[in-house]
Protein backbone atom coordinates (compact mmCIF):
# COMPACT_ATOMS: atom_id res chain seq x y z
CA MET A 1 126.64 95.79 106.75
CA SER A 2 127.61 97.34 110.12
CA THR A 3 125.49 98.57 113.05
CA HIS A 4 127.01 101.61 112.47
CA GLU A 5 126.06 101.86 108.80
CA ALA A 6 122.77 100.41 109.24
CA ALA A 7 122.07 103.47 111.72
CA GLN A 8 123.39 106.03 109.52
CA LYS A 9 120.21 104.86 106.89
CA ALA A 10 117.98 104.44 109.87
CA LEU A 11 114.92 106.77 108.80
CA LEU A 12 112.65 105.25 112.09
CA ASP A 13 114.60 103.40 114.87
CA VAL A 14 111.37 102.01 117.59
CA ARG A 15 113.73 100.74 120.81
CA ASN A 16 111.68 98.59 122.80
CA LEU A 17 108.20 99.79 122.61
CA SER A 18 105.97 98.52 125.62
CA VAL A 19 101.82 100.05 124.65
CA GLY A 20 99.23 99.30 127.40
CA ILE A 21 95.77 99.58 128.14
CA ARG A 22 95.14 101.91 130.80
CA ARG A 23 93.24 99.93 134.21
CA LYS A 24 92.84 101.01 137.53
CA ALA A 25 95.01 98.77 138.55
CA GLY A 26 98.24 99.56 136.29
CA HIS A 27 98.72 98.91 132.58
CA LEU A 28 97.71 96.22 130.36
CA PRO A 29 100.10 95.15 128.61
CA ILE A 30 99.91 95.09 124.72
CA ILE A 31 103.27 95.23 123.43
CA ASP A 32 106.09 94.51 124.89
CA ARG A 33 109.33 96.04 124.33
CA CYS A 34 109.18 95.66 120.41
CA SER A 35 112.11 96.69 118.32
CA PHE A 36 112.80 97.92 114.58
CA VAL A 37 114.22 99.68 112.06
CA VAL A 38 112.89 101.14 108.52
CA ASN A 39 116.10 102.50 106.52
CA THR A 40 115.35 105.51 103.80
CA GLY A 41 113.54 104.31 101.30
CA GLU A 42 112.83 100.98 102.43
CA ILE A 43 109.76 98.81 102.32
CA VAL A 44 109.45 97.17 105.35
CA ALA A 45 106.54 94.72 106.19
CA LEU A 46 105.08 94.15 108.77
CA VAL A 47 102.42 91.05 109.25
CA GLY A 48 101.44 88.36 112.03
CA GLU A 49 97.30 87.82 113.07
CA SER A 50 95.06 89.46 114.34
CA GLY A 51 94.95 91.03 117.63
CA CYS A 52 98.64 90.76 117.72
CA GLY A 53 100.11 94.64 117.70
CA LYS A 54 100.40 95.19 113.94
CA THR A 55 98.00 98.63 114.12
CA LEU A 56 98.69 99.11 117.60
CA THR A 57 102.42 99.53 116.57
CA SER A 58 101.51 102.22 113.63
CA LEU A 59 99.56 104.19 115.65
CA SER A 60 102.19 104.57 118.27
CA ILE A 61 104.74 105.81 115.56
CA SER A 62 102.43 108.67 114.76
CA ARG A 63 101.31 109.45 118.51
CA LEU A 64 97.61 108.69 117.66
CA LEU A 65 97.35 105.51 120.28
CA PRO A 66 93.54 105.90 121.46
CA SER A 67 92.62 107.95 124.80
CA VAL A 68 93.18 104.55 126.88
CA VAL A 69 95.99 103.36 125.46
CA GLU A 70 99.37 105.00 125.95
CA ILE A 71 103.43 104.06 125.89
CA THR A 72 105.07 102.91 128.90
CA GLY A 73 108.17 102.41 127.44
CA GLY A 74 111.13 102.76 124.50
CA GLU A 75 112.20 104.71 121.85
CA ILE A 76 110.53 105.79 118.45
CA LEU A 77 113.54 107.87 117.06
CA PHE A 78 113.35 109.43 113.42
CA HIS A 79 115.62 110.97 111.96
CA ARG A 80 114.34 114.30 109.80
CA GLY A 81 115.86 116.10 106.62
CA GLU A 82 118.64 116.51 105.38
CA GLY A 83 120.35 118.46 108.38
CA GLY A 84 120.74 115.26 110.54
CA GLU A 85 118.04 116.33 113.49
CA THR A 86 116.88 113.14 115.28
CA VAL A 87 113.74 113.34 117.27
CA ASN A 88 112.46 110.82 120.33
CA LEU A 89 108.52 110.77 118.36
CA ARG A 90 107.60 110.12 122.51
CA PHE A 91 108.14 112.62 123.98
CA LEU A 92 107.16 115.82 121.27
CA GLY A 93 104.23 117.69 121.96
CA GLU A 94 101.24 117.86 120.20
CA LYS A 95 102.66 120.71 118.14
CA GLU A 96 106.06 119.51 116.86
CA LEU A 97 103.57 116.35 115.90
CA CYS A 98 101.40 118.36 113.89
CA GLY A 99 104.36 119.84 111.92
CA ILE A 100 105.35 115.94 110.70
CA ARG A 101 101.92 113.98 110.70
CA GLY A 102 100.55 113.95 107.20
CA LYS A 103 104.22 116.37 106.03
CA GLU A 104 106.52 113.75 107.18
CA ILE A 105 104.94 110.85 108.32
CA ALA A 106 102.09 109.54 106.29
CA MET A 107 99.19 106.96 107.47
CA ILE A 108 96.88 105.33 105.03
CA PHE A 109 94.76 103.68 108.13
CA GLN A 110 92.97 99.96 107.78
CA GLU A 111 89.29 101.70 107.50
CA PRO A 112 88.74 104.49 105.24
CA ARG A 113 85.43 105.71 105.93
CA GLN A 114 86.26 106.29 109.49
CA SER A 115 89.18 108.32 108.79
CA LEU A 116 86.78 111.04 105.83
CA ASN A 117 84.84 113.66 106.53
CA PRO A 118 81.42 112.34 105.33
CA LEU A 119 80.62 116.56 104.76
CA MET A 120 83.23 117.30 102.81
CA ARG A 121 84.01 116.89 99.05
CA ILE A 122 86.40 114.21 98.44
CA GLY A 123 88.54 116.80 96.28
CA GLU A 124 88.71 119.66 99.33
CA GLN A 125 89.75 116.61 101.33
CA ILE A 126 92.42 115.77 99.30
CA ALA A 127 93.54 119.64 99.23
CA GLU A 128 93.33 120.41 102.65
CA ALA A 129 96.86 118.22 103.45
CA PRO A 130 99.11 120.64 101.52
CA LYS A 131 97.42 123.42 102.65
CA LEU A 132 97.93 122.59 106.17
CA HIS A 133 101.70 122.40 105.77
CA GLY A 134 101.61 126.16 104.07
CA GLY A 135 101.63 124.98 100.87
CA THR A 136 98.71 125.06 98.16
CA SER A 137 97.01 121.37 96.08
CA THR A 138 95.54 123.26 93.35
CA ARG A 139 92.04 121.55 91.59
CA ALA A 140 93.54 120.26 88.27
CA ASP A 141 96.67 118.93 90.88
CA VAL A 142 94.13 117.10 92.69
CA ALA A 143 92.61 115.51 89.66
CA GLU A 144 96.12 114.57 87.66
CA LEU A 145 96.48 112.91 91.42
CA LEU A 146 93.52 111.20 90.83
CA ARG A 147 94.86 110.18 87.71
CA ARG A 148 97.85 108.38 88.86
CA LEU A 149 95.75 106.46 90.79
CA LYS A 150 93.10 104.89 88.69
CA PHE A 151 90.43 106.79 89.57
CA PRO A 152 88.24 105.72 86.40
CA ASN A 153 86.46 109.68 86.28
CA PRO A 154 88.65 111.41 88.54
CA GLU A 155 86.87 114.73 87.81
CA ARG A 156 83.50 113.04 88.97
CA ILE A 157 85.35 111.59 91.95
CA LEU A 158 86.63 115.37 92.89
CA GLY A 159 82.95 116.47 93.61
CA ALA A 160 81.19 113.22 95.50
CA PHE A 161 81.17 112.61 98.80
CA PRO A 162 82.95 109.94 101.13
CA HIS A 163 78.71 108.10 100.70
CA GLN A 164 78.62 108.71 97.13
CA LEU A 165 82.11 106.08 96.66
CA SER A 166 83.10 102.31 96.86
CA GLY A 167 84.85 101.46 100.06
CA GLY A 168 88.02 100.24 97.44
CA MET A 169 87.23 103.96 96.31
CA CYS A 170 87.16 105.48 99.83
CA GLN A 171 90.27 103.21 100.16
CA ARG A 172 92.27 104.99 97.56
CA VAL A 173 91.22 108.30 98.86
CA MET A 174 93.60 108.28 101.89
CA ILE A 175 96.36 107.02 99.61
CA ALA A 176 95.92 110.59 97.85
CA ILE A 177 95.93 112.14 100.58
CA ALA A 178 98.54 110.29 102.80
CA THR A 179 100.90 111.05 99.45
CA ILE A 180 99.88 114.19 98.65
CA CYS A 181 102.89 116.05 100.30
CA ARG A 182 105.72 113.01 99.47
CA PRO A 183 106.46 112.50 103.09
CA LYS A 184 109.53 110.58 103.77
CA LEU A 185 107.48 108.00 105.69
CA LEU A 186 104.41 105.87 104.79
CA ILE A 187 102.45 103.79 107.12
CA ALA A 188 100.34 101.90 104.79
CA ASP A 189 97.71 99.54 107.25
CA GLU A 190 96.14 97.24 104.57
CA PRO A 191 95.96 99.17 102.39
CA THR A 192 94.64 96.97 99.97
CA SER A 193 92.29 94.83 101.89
CA SER A 194 88.94 96.54 100.07
CA LEU A 195 90.68 95.93 96.74
CA ASP A 196 89.74 93.59 94.01
CA THR A 197 93.35 92.33 92.16
CA GLU A 198 93.19 95.05 89.63
CA ASN A 199 92.71 97.69 92.06
CA GLN A 200 95.59 95.73 94.41
CA ASP A 201 98.15 95.43 91.43
CA ASN A 202 97.36 99.72 90.97
CA ILE A 203 98.04 100.22 94.72
CA ILE A 204 100.94 98.21 94.72
CA ALA A 205 102.45 100.14 91.50
CA LEU A 206 101.71 103.38 92.65
CA LEU A 207 103.22 102.79 96.42
CA GLY A 208 106.22 101.03 94.38
CA GLN A 209 106.66 104.54 92.91
CA ILE A 210 105.88 106.96 95.22
CA ASN A 211 109.23 104.56 96.77
CA ARG A 212 111.79 105.00 94.01
CA GLU A 213 110.72 108.41 92.63
CA PHE A 214 110.73 110.41 96.04
CA GLY A 215 112.85 107.90 98.37
CA THR A 216 109.45 107.16 100.67
CA ALA A 217 110.34 104.52 103.23
CA VAL A 218 107.17 102.63 103.57
CA LEU A 219 106.17 100.46 106.66
CA PHE A 220 103.30 97.78 105.17
CA ILE A 221 101.29 96.33 107.50
CA SER A 222 98.73 93.63 105.34
CA HIS A 223 97.92 90.12 105.91
CA ASP A 224 98.29 88.96 102.08
CA LEU A 225 101.34 87.22 102.66
CA SER A 226 101.37 86.91 98.90
CA LEU A 227 101.47 90.68 98.40
CA VAL A 228 104.46 91.06 101.08
CA ARG A 229 106.86 88.48 99.54
CA ARG A 230 106.63 90.10 95.97
CA PHE A 231 106.97 93.52 97.31
CA CYS A 232 108.38 94.39 100.67
CA ASP A 233 112.30 93.93 101.10
CA ARG A 234 111.95 93.12 104.59
CA THR A 235 109.37 91.68 106.60
CA LEU A 236 108.80 91.59 110.46
CA VAL A 237 106.93 89.04 111.64
CA MET A 238 104.66 89.96 115.32
CA ARG A 239 103.24 87.43 117.39
CA LYS A 240 101.25 87.82 120.58
CA GLU A 241 102.98 91.69 121.22
CA LYS A 242 107.06 90.96 120.00
CA ILE A 243 109.12 90.35 116.93
CA MET A 244 109.60 86.83 116.91
CA GLU A 245 111.57 87.48 113.10
CA GLU A 246 113.21 89.25 111.09
CA GLY A 247 114.70 89.76 107.50
CA PRO A 248 114.78 90.26 103.74
CA SER A 249 110.93 88.92 102.97
CA GLU A 250 112.90 86.60 100.40
CA SER A 251 114.46 84.33 102.90
CA VAL A 252 111.67 84.13 105.93
CA PHE A 253 108.86 83.19 103.37
CA SER A 254 111.44 79.91 101.71
CA ALA A 255 113.78 79.46 105.14
CA PRO A 256 111.36 80.50 107.92
CA THR A 257 113.64 80.38 111.30
CA HIS A 258 110.92 80.79 113.75
CA PRO A 259 108.14 77.98 114.36
CA TYR A 260 105.50 79.95 114.42
CA THR A 261 106.59 81.40 110.97
CA ALA A 262 107.01 78.59 109.15
CA GLU A 263 103.48 77.84 110.82
CA LEU A 264 102.25 81.25 109.00
CA VAL A 265 104.24 80.12 106.20
CA GLY A 266 102.40 77.10 105.53
CA ALA A 267 98.62 78.62 105.48
CA ILE A 268 99.82 80.94 102.54
CA PRO A 269 97.15 78.54 100.76
CA GLY A 270 93.37 80.32 101.85
CA SER A 271 92.14 77.09 102.36
CA ILE A 272 89.26 75.53 104.19
CA PRO A 273 90.09 72.20 105.60
CA PRO A 274 87.81 68.98 106.06
CA GLN A 275 84.90 68.86 107.84
CA GLY A 276 85.06 69.16 111.25
CA GLY A 277 87.52 71.49 112.29
CA ILE A 278 91.24 72.91 111.19
CA THR A 279 93.29 69.85 111.08
CA ASN A 280 95.82 70.32 107.98
CA ILE A 281 95.21 74.29 107.24
CA ALA A 282 97.37 73.46 104.15
CA ASN A 283 94.19 71.02 103.48
CA VAL A 284 91.31 71.54 101.49
CA THR A 285 88.88 68.70 100.54
CA SER A 286 85.35 69.77 98.05
CA ILE A 287 82.31 70.87 99.41
CA SER A 288 79.04 69.97 97.50
CA ILE A 289 75.74 70.09 98.39
CA THR A 290 72.36 69.57 96.90
CA ARG A 291 70.75 72.83 95.85
CA LYS A 292 67.01 72.25 96.40
CA ALA A 293 64.51 73.31 93.03
CA MET A 294 62.88 76.30 95.00
CA PRO A 295 65.46 79.43 95.72
CA PHE A 296 65.65 81.18 99.02
CA ILE A 297 66.48 84.40 97.11
CA SER A 298 65.21 85.81 93.48
CA MET A 299 66.33 89.23 91.59
CA ARG A 300 64.18 89.87 88.70
CA GLY A 301 65.47 93.65 86.80
CA LEU A 302 67.23 94.64 89.85
CA SER A 303 67.95 98.18 88.78
CA ASN A 304 69.70 100.98 91.33
CA ALA A 305 70.96 104.45 90.50
CA TYR A 306 71.64 107.71 92.58
CA VAL A 307 71.44 111.17 92.01
CA SER A 308 74.47 112.59 90.91
CA ARG A 309 76.22 116.91 90.52
CA SER A 310 78.90 117.78 89.02
CA PHE A 311 81.58 119.81 91.25
CA GLY A 312 80.37 123.51 91.91
CA LEU A 313 77.15 125.57 93.76
CA PHE A 314 74.78 124.58 90.01
CA GLY A 315 76.94 121.74 88.88
CA LYS A 316 74.47 119.61 86.70
CA ARG A 317 72.42 116.72 88.19
CA GLU A 318 72.35 113.57 86.55
CA MET A 319 70.69 110.45 88.00
CA LYS A 320 73.93 107.89 87.85
CA PRO A 321 73.57 103.87 87.32
CA VAL A 322 74.54 101.27 89.93
CA LEU A 323 72.70 98.41 89.33
CA ARG A 324 71.64 97.29 85.55
CA ASN A 325 68.98 94.85 85.73
CA VAL A 326 70.24 91.85 88.08
CA ASN A 327 68.48 88.66 87.50
CA LEU A 328 69.65 85.87 89.78
CA ASP A 329 68.68 83.27 91.57
CA ILE A 330 70.36 82.12 95.24
CA ALA A 331 69.52 78.18 96.19
CA THR A 332 68.53 77.69 99.43
CA GLY A 333 71.51 76.13 101.65
CA GLU A 334 73.89 77.53 99.23
CA ILE A 335 76.86 79.59 99.28
CA PHE A 336 76.87 81.47 96.78
CA GLY A 337 79.70 84.05 95.30
CA LEU A 338 79.99 87.19 94.24
CA ALA A 339 83.33 88.83 92.56
CA GLY A 340 83.90 91.63 91.46
CA GLU A 341 85.63 94.66 90.70
CA SER A 342 85.95 97.52 93.45
CA GLY A 343 82.76 99.55 92.72
CA GLY A 344 81.17 97.29 90.65
CA GLY A 345 77.95 97.52 92.48
CA LYS A 346 77.87 94.32 94.86
CA SER A 347 77.61 95.86 98.09
CA THR A 348 74.53 98.17 96.50
CA LEU A 349 72.99 94.93 95.85
CA ALA A 350 73.40 93.49 99.40
CA ARG A 351 71.99 96.63 100.16
CA CYS A 352 68.84 96.32 98.17
CA ILE A 353 68.67 92.67 99.19
CA LEU A 354 68.30 94.41 102.97
CA GLY A 355 65.88 96.88 101.63
CA LEU A 356 68.57 99.72 102.85
CA ILE A 357 68.44 101.73 100.04
CA ASP A 358 65.80 102.03 97.33
CA TYR A 359 65.38 99.87 93.90
CA ASP A 360 63.72 99.12 90.70
CA GLY A 361 62.35 95.59 90.42
CA GLU A 362 61.40 93.27 92.43
CA ILE A 363 63.68 90.66 95.28
CA LEU A 364 61.97 87.59 96.75
CA ILE A 365 63.14 85.44 100.24
CA ASP A 366 61.56 82.50 101.08
CA GLY A 367 58.88 83.01 98.08
CA ARG A 368 57.51 86.14 99.12
CA LEU A 369 57.49 89.30 96.79
CA GLN A 370 59.49 92.39 99.03
CA GLN A 371 57.70 95.76 99.43
CA ASN A 372 60.31 98.62 98.67
CA ALA A 373 61.39 99.72 101.99
CA PHE A 374 60.76 103.19 100.12
CA ARG A 375 57.91 102.63 98.40
CA GLY A 376 54.87 102.77 100.50
CA ASN A 377 56.32 101.28 103.50
CA GLY A 378 56.64 103.78 106.03
CA GLY A 379 60.51 103.38 105.76
CA LYS A 380 60.51 100.16 107.98
CA SER A 381 62.52 97.46 107.69
CA ARG A 382 60.52 94.63 106.09
CA PHE A 383 62.68 92.07 107.72
CA GLY A 384 60.74 90.92 111.19
CA GLY A 385 62.39 89.14 113.45
CA GLY A 386 66.56 89.08 111.14
CA THR A 387 65.24 86.99 108.31
CA VAL A 388 68.58 88.12 106.62
CA GLN A 389 71.70 89.41 107.86
CA MET A 390 74.50 91.40 106.87
CA ILE A 391 77.84 91.54 107.61
CA PHE A 392 78.96 94.94 106.73
CA GLN A 393 82.32 95.77 104.36
CA GLU A 394 84.60 98.15 107.10
CA PRO A 395 83.63 96.33 110.97
CA GLY A 396 84.63 99.64 112.61
CA ALA A 397 82.09 101.43 111.06
CA SER A 398 79.12 99.68 111.77
CA LEU A 399 79.64 99.18 115.43
CA ASN A 400 78.91 101.71 117.88
CA PRO A 401 81.96 102.91 119.80
CA THR A 402 80.56 104.09 122.93
CA LYS A 403 79.24 100.21 123.79
CA LYS A 404 81.17 96.82 124.82
CA ILE A 405 81.36 93.98 122.92
CA GLY A 406 79.01 92.06 124.83
CA TRP A 407 75.96 94.67 125.10
CA LEU A 408 76.48 94.67 120.89
CA LEU A 409 75.63 90.93 120.64
CA GLU A 410 73.08 91.29 122.94
CA GLU A 411 70.85 94.20 122.03
CA PRO A 412 69.65 91.99 118.15
CA LEU A 413 68.10 90.20 121.13
CA VAL A 414 67.17 92.71 123.02
CA ILE A 415 64.79 94.57 120.01
CA HIS A 416 63.83 91.39 118.64
CA ARG A 417 62.85 89.36 121.80
CA ARG A 418 59.12 89.14 121.83
CA SER A 419 59.26 87.15 117.78
CA LEU A 420 62.75 84.51 120.02
CA ASP A 421 61.82 81.49 121.72
CA CYS A 422 65.18 82.31 123.57
CA GLY A 423 66.72 84.86 125.45
CA GLY A 424 63.47 86.72 126.95
CA THR A 425 65.90 86.93 130.29
CA ALA A 426 69.15 88.80 131.22
CA GLN A 427 70.31 86.10 132.48
CA GLU A 428 69.90 83.94 129.30
CA ARG A 429 70.73 86.84 126.72
CA SER A 430 74.05 87.05 128.61
CA ARG A 431 74.34 82.53 127.64
CA MET A 432 74.32 83.18 124.58
CA VAL A 433 76.62 85.63 123.78
CA ASP A 434 79.01 83.78 126.03
CA GLU A 435 78.36 81.06 123.94
CA MET A 436 79.02 83.05 120.58
CA LEU A 437 81.82 84.54 121.49
CA GLU A 438 83.07 81.16 121.78
CA LEU A 439 81.56 80.47 117.47
CA VAL A 440 83.06 83.12 116.37
CA GLY A 441 86.69 82.99 117.99
CA LEU A 442 86.98 85.09 121.04
CA GLU A 443 87.91 85.35 124.35
CA PRO A 444 84.86 85.77 127.45
CA PHE A 445 87.23 89.25 128.30
CA HIS A 446 86.33 90.79 124.74
CA LYS A 447 83.52 90.92 126.10
CA ALA A 448 83.64 93.63 128.77
CA ARG A 449 85.98 95.64 126.23
CA ARG A 450 84.41 98.51 123.40
CA VAL A 451 85.26 98.34 120.33
CA HIS A 452 89.02 101.09 120.19
CA GLU A 453 90.33 98.15 122.04
CA LEU A 454 90.55 95.51 119.32
CA SER A 455 91.54 94.90 116.63
CA GLY A 456 90.15 95.03 112.99
CA GLY A 457 90.49 91.12 112.96
CA GLN A 458 88.33 91.08 116.25
CA LYS A 459 85.85 93.65 115.27
CA GLN A 460 85.05 91.66 112.24
CA ARG A 461 84.96 88.62 114.34
CA ALA A 462 82.19 90.54 116.95
CA CYS A 463 80.38 91.78 114.04
CA ILE A 464 79.34 88.00 112.56
CA GLY A 465 78.55 87.40 115.71
CA ARG A 466 75.80 89.86 115.99
CA ALA A 467 74.70 89.55 112.44
CA LEU A 468 74.52 85.13 113.85
CA MET A 469 72.51 85.83 117.04
CA LEU A 470 69.33 85.61 115.30
CA LYS A 471 69.41 82.48 113.90
CA PRO A 472 68.65 84.16 110.48
CA LYS A 473 67.99 82.63 107.53
CA MET A 474 69.94 83.84 105.27
CA LEU A 475 73.44 86.25 106.10
CA ILE A 476 75.21 88.62 103.10
CA ALA A 477 78.60 88.65 103.72
CA ASP A 478 80.58 91.31 102.00
CA GLU A 479 84.21 91.35 101.94
CA ALA A 480 84.45 89.63 105.11
CA VAL A 481 87.55 88.70 105.52
CA SER A 482 89.70 90.91 104.13
CA SER A 483 90.56 92.40 107.62
CA LEU A 484 91.52 88.89 108.48
CA ASP A 485 94.93 87.28 108.66
CA VAL A 486 95.59 83.88 107.14
CA PHE A 487 94.71 81.75 109.76
CA SER A 488 91.58 84.29 111.13
CA GLY A 489 90.50 83.99 107.57
CA VAL A 490 90.39 80.29 107.03
CA GLN A 491 88.85 79.62 110.40
CA ILE A 492 85.71 82.36 109.17
CA LEU A 493 85.53 80.15 106.36
CA CYS A 494 85.23 76.97 108.06
CA LEU A 495 82.43 78.95 110.82
CA PHE A 496 80.57 79.36 107.41
CA ARG A 497 80.50 76.34 105.43
CA ASP A 498 79.84 74.40 109.21
CA LEU A 499 76.85 77.37 109.70
CA ARG A 500 75.17 76.47 105.91
CA GLU A 501 75.66 72.56 106.75
CA THR A 502 74.43 72.83 109.77
CA LEU A 503 72.10 75.23 110.11
CA GLY A 504 70.91 75.41 106.26
CA LEU A 505 71.99 78.87 106.08
CA THR A 506 71.92 80.53 103.36
CA ILE A 507 74.73 82.50 102.61
CA LEU A 508 75.64 85.38 99.87
CA PHE A 509 79.65 85.70 100.19
CA ILE A 510 81.08 88.91 98.54
CA SER A 511 84.83 89.08 98.12
CA HIS A 512 87.76 90.52 96.54
CA ASP A 513 89.76 87.39 97.39
CA MET A 514 89.02 84.73 94.39
CA ALA A 515 91.10 82.05 96.10
CA ALA A 516 88.74 82.24 99.08
CA THR A 517 85.54 82.32 96.59
CA GLU A 518 86.10 79.45 94.44
CA CYS A 519 87.16 77.83 97.44
CA LEU A 520 84.21 78.49 99.58
CA CYS A 521 81.01 79.27 97.13
CA ASP A 522 79.30 76.50 95.81
CA ARG A 523 78.71 79.12 92.25
CA ILE A 524 80.18 81.82 91.39
CA ALA A 525 78.99 85.26 89.67
CA VAL A 526 80.75 88.33 88.45
CA MET A 527 79.27 91.68 88.46
CA LYS A 528 80.51 94.71 85.98
CA ASP A 529 79.51 98.09 85.82
CA GLY A 530 76.52 96.94 87.77
CA ALA A 531 75.68 94.06 86.00
CA ILE A 532 76.35 89.77 86.34
CA ASP A 533 79.33 89.75 83.62
CA GLY A 534 78.50 86.62 81.37
CA ASN A 535 77.11 83.52 83.16
CA LEU A 536 77.11 81.70 86.25
CA ARG A 537 79.13 79.19 86.72
CA ASP A 538 79.62 75.93 90.07
CA SER A 539 83.42 76.90 91.55
CA GLN A 540 86.21 74.49 91.51
CA ALA A 541 87.47 73.99 95.19
CA ARG A 542 90.64 73.90 95.02
CA THR A 543 94.51 74.44 96.51
CA VAL A 544 95.26 77.84 96.02
CA LEU A 545 99.72 77.38 96.08
């Protein structure tokens, strides 16, 4: 294809894009002269390690950058309509941009709960997008869209609030909002990271259908390289704020020309290297421990339900079960995997263990029966000193956006300093924060950054570091590697393994990634419709090709 023919087809043409963070002494570069093209009706992948600038590139296209970040150079050319008008998005005013966002360029954000209004029902939020652009959308239209997105009960979802949905369902709601106006360009930033394999396939099939039927071009940002290879027409490989390689996806993965791309492709098997560090990321050794007879945590008859009301002011109220008579033991020092489809109750079980929500049944931790915090305990936390800590599914939503990362990691030490052997002085706490930053793979300068200045993967690392500050006996990791690239994901899995070996830490590993779960965990349980589906089984560590 000639250059002229490619230019004729170009829907989005990014030329020498540079982005920086404002500082008193000037801009700190975070994207350096990035250039690429997305053609009409094309599916293009943007891949690379966490923090390389993928999300900031997508936010630059929509002009939705954080207030302290701005475009310092380059052009963002977008081809509009049949008339052939091409506009430079970098210099458009806010009024003109509002006419393009959502209608012609839509975006699926990485953290869906932060993008949904917690005070509005789902049906209202989906129907809002067409109304903002002068169109209409009936309740029946929205219900039909949810059925295409494979929601199990569209009518119930329409009347639900975001907090009543799982993380995976919230992500599908975001996809519904983004696609209801049939945009020319859809920017999908990790749209499947919160979904199980079945729902992931459904979303990919839906995006492919939208691409074929409406001619919508897709800029697909993902850490799942296997998914990228089978779904995308072309792949852009980004590293250290620059595009290092691009080409047809099959060529990039089968015969990479850049050393970094070859290294990235070699890391596709999400495996854990032997004890002592990452020596060969493609090799894996079996993990085995001798489990103690007494379990660290036992659950007996664990059940949970929430009150649901159907759509309308006088809708019928009823109890909706989430957990159904769960009986489970996790041994001291064990890494226990909990898998299952989105909405199956995995995160709800974790919140019951932490005492964040009400439940029926019994939970014993380290041999002690735990009192339900919602029944006779005044709503107080029962885990003084941080016996059990949790890494939540959406890191951005669990970090205070007004505070710096150093402050966030130090806060648990300040709150619990009387129950700790160390961390009583500011100097000691600062040293412990520095050590934790190094342990989770962050640099010292991240200590002075705020949450919006970090990539999704870096936010997850900060959450892991904060959870480990109190040296807990048990760690609950809810989709802890879903937002990480393959390199970072392997490093975090290695960290979990090393923490178990050195500290005797008990870990409940909740994940949709069966390859990672099989590789890391000693035993695995599958949860479906709020119950443990079948018998527990021992994991067999293996290399996933």
